[in-house]
């Protein structure tokens, strides 16, 4: 199944995965400037059926705050890097740890916030994968690392498997 949203003349094509129960835009360079990412909408996170107007509003939100979003990505990468170094302080050499970086891979849209008086705030995760900047093909683990946001506020970071 496929759904196209056109926002300011730009098409965003979502594909549905029945197996994962999510809608996904795959490798788009039109959501956040200078980044090619996926946008995922896990239907299990929504309190009701998908509202495409809400998704349209979320993409518009990201685009209208592009400069701050880019800053938030850099901040999240820095926090994730520090967390990675603490968790794996005995697992990698100092040289490898000094070359670890995080690459934004996508956004996991959660929904509008469910807290009273914040129902118009968006909740979402940026998801990242670590890599060795000196040797991108070195296997350093492939768990998803996430930074959780409400609108433009970084709420925290975590790894899916830790």
Protein backbone atom coordinates (compact mmCIF):
# COMPACT_ATOMS: atom_id res chain seq x y z
CA UNK A 1 0.00 0.00 0.00
CA UNK A 2 1.22 3.51 -0.79
CA UNK A 3 0.15 7.05 0.18
CA UNK A 4 1.44 10.31 -1.25
CA UNK A 5 1.32 13.64 0.57
CA UNK A 6 2.12 16.80 -1.35
CA UNK A 7 3.38 19.61 0.87
CA UNK A 8 4.34 22.92 -0.74
CA UNK A 9 4.63 21.15 -4.08
CA UNK A 10 6.97 18.45 -2.72
CA UNK A 11 5.72 14.84 -2.82
CA UNK A 12 6.35 12.52 0.14
CA UNK A 13 5.59 8.91 -0.71
CA UNK A 14 4.76 6.64 2.24
CA UNK A 15 4.82 2.85 1.96
CA UNK A 16 2.96 0.59 4.38
CA UNK A 17 4.60 -2.49 5.89
CA UNK A 18 1.97 -4.91 7.18
CA UNK A 19 4.65 -6.99 8.88
CA UNK A 20 5.90 -4.01 10.92
CA UNK A 21 2.56 -2.17 11.05
CA UNK A 22 4.13 1.10 10.01
CA UNK A 23 4.15 3.69 7.28
CA UNK A 24 7.56 4.78 6.00
CA UNK A 25 9.08 7.36 3.68
CA UNK A 26 12.32 5.78 2.51
CA UNK A 27 15.56 7.74 2.13
CA UNK A 28 14.11 11.19 1.59
CA UNK A 29 16.35 14.25 1.30
CA UNK A 30 13.31 16.55 1.45
CA UNK A 31 12.44 16.31 5.17
CA UNK A 32 15.57 17.78 6.82
CA UNK A 33 18.10 19.65 4.71
CA UNK A 34 21.50 17.98 4.25
CA UNK A 35 20.16 14.61 5.50
CA UNK A 36 18.79 11.62 3.64
CA UNK A 37 16.56 9.85 6.14
CA UNK A 38 13.54 7.62 6.62
CA UNK A 39 10.38 8.88 8.31
CA UNK A 40 8.55 6.10 10.13
CA UNK A 41 5.08 6.11 11.65
CA UNK A 42 4.48 3.03 13.79
CA UNK A 43 0.71 2.64 14.01
CA UNK A 44 1.08 1.05 17.46
CA UNK A 45 2.22 4.46 18.78
CA UNK A 46 -0.88 6.30 17.61
CA UNK A 47 -3.93 6.63 19.85
CA UNK A 48 -6.22 6.38 16.83
CA UNK A 49 -6.02 5.68 13.11
CA UNK A 50 -3.44 7.61 11.16
CA UNK A 51 -4.43 11.22 10.49
CA UNK A 52 -2.63 12.38 7.35
CA UNK A 53 -3.29 16.03 8.26
CA UNK A 54 -1.33 15.43 11.46
CA UNK A 55 1.56 13.95 9.46
CA UNK A 56 1.41 16.90 7.08
CA UNK A 57 1.61 19.23 10.10
CA UNK A 58 4.58 17.32 11.51
CA UNK A 59 6.56 17.53 8.26
CA UNK A 60 5.70 21.25 8.05
CA UNK A 61 6.90 21.67 11.65
CA UNK A 62 10.26 20.03 10.83
CA UNK A 63 10.73 22.13 7.71
CA UNK A 64 9.77 25.41 9.40
CA UNK A 65 12.29 24.80 12.21
CA UNK A 66 15.07 23.40 10.03
CA UNK A 67 17.91 25.39 11.62
CA UNK A 68 16.96 24.35 15.16
CA UNK A 69 16.37 20.75 14.03
CA UNK A 70 19.92 20.64 12.59
CA UNK A 71 21.23 21.99 15.90
CA UNK A 72 19.22 19.36 17.80
CA UNK A 73 20.69 16.60 15.63
CA UNK A 74 24.21 17.75 16.49
CA UNK A 75 23.34 17.98 20.20
CA UNK A 76 21.82 14.50 20.14
CA UNK A 77 24.90 13.08 18.39
CA UNK A 78 27.11 14.56 21.11
CA UNK A 79 25.01 13.16 23.96
CA UNK A 80 24.78 9.74 22.27
CA UNK A 81 28.53 9.70 21.75
CA UNK A 82 29.15 10.33 25.46
CA UNK A 83 26.66 7.62 26.41
CA UNK A 84 28.30 5.20 23.96
CA UNK A 85 31.76 5.89 25.44
CA UNK A 86 30.51 5.28 28.97
CA UNK A 87 28.69 2.07 28.12
CA UNK A 88 31.54 0.66 26.04
CA UNK A 89 34.49 2.05 28.01
CA UNK A 90 36.01 -1.44 28.37
CA UNK A 91 34.91 -2.83 25.01
CA UNK A 92 36.80 -0.75 22.45
CA UNK A 93 40.28 0.68 22.28
CA UNK A 94 40.79 4.36 23.03
CA UNK A 95 41.64 4.93 19.36
CA UNK A 96 38.37 3.42 18.12
CA UNK A 97 36.32 5.30 20.72
CA UNK A 98 37.94 8.57 19.64
CA UNK A 99 36.72 7.92 16.08
CA UNK A 100 33.13 6.94 16.86
CA UNK A 101 30.44 9.13 15.31
CA UNK A 102 26.69 8.85 14.97
CA UNK A 103 24.80 9.16 11.70
CA UNK A 104 21.14 10.19 11.60
CA UNK A 105 19.17 7.48 9.86
CA UNK A 106 15.59 8.55 10.40
CA UNK A 107 12.72 9.87 12.44
CA UNK A 108 10.23 7.75 14.33
CA UNK A 109 7.09 9.88 14.66
CA UNK A 110 5.22 8.96 17.86
CA UNK A 111 2.15 11.25 17.80
CA UNK A 112 0.90 14.38 19.43
CA UNK A 113 1.83 14.51 23.11
CA UNK A 114 -0.66 12.85 25.46
CA UNK A 115 0.04 15.16 28.41
CA UNK A 116 -2.73 17.63 29.23
CA UNK A 117 -2.00 21.13 27.88
CA UNK A 118 0.58 19.68 25.45
CA UNK A 119 -1.77 17.95 23.03
CA UNK A 120 -0.48 20.02 20.09
CA UNK A 121 3.19 19.21 20.75
CA UNK A 122 4.80 16.58 18.54
CA UNK A 123 6.69 13.65 20.04
CA UNK A 124 9.29 11.85 17.96
CA UNK A 125 12.67 10.14 18.04
CA UNK A 126 15.63 10.73 15.81
CA UNK A 127 17.34 7.40 15.29
CA UNK A 128 21.05 7.00 14.70
CA UNK A 129 23.63 4.31 14.06
CA UNK A 130 27.22 4.50 15.36
CA UNK A 131 30.15 4.11 13.00
CA UNK A 132 33.94 4.44 13.03
CA UNK A 133 34.72 7.63 11.11
CA UNK A 134 38.18 6.26 10.17
CA UNK A 135 36.81 2.91 8.99
CA UNK A 136 33.09 3.09 8.13
CA UNK A 137 32.96 -0.63 7.33
CA UNK A 138 34.18 -1.77 10.75
CA UNK A 139 31.43 -3.56 12.63
CA UNK A 140 30.89 -1.77 15.93
CA UNK A 141 27.35 -2.94 16.50
CA UNK A 142 24.16 -2.07 14.74
CA UNK A 143 21.71 -1.31 17.52
CA UNK A 144 19.51 1.72 17.04
CA UNK A 145 20.39 4.69 19.22
CA UNK A 146 17.64 7.26 19.77
CA UNK A 147 17.14 10.83 20.86
CA UNK A 148 13.62 11.59 22.06
CA UNK A 149 12.04 15.03 21.45
CA UNK A 150 8.88 16.93 22.25
CA UNK A 151 8.67 19.70 19.66
CA UNK A 152 12.19 21.20 19.84
CA UNK A 153 13.08 19.98 23.35
CA UNK A 154 15.53 17.09 23.74
CA UNK A 155 13.98 14.85 26.40
CA UNK A 156 16.59 12.08 26.54
CA UNK A 157 18.62 9.47 24.69
CA UNK A 158 18.62 5.68 24.76
CA UNK A 159 19.63 2.57 22.87
CA UNK A 160 17.00 0.02 21.85
CA UNK A 161 19.04 -2.94 23.14
CA UNK A 162 20.66 -1.63 26.31
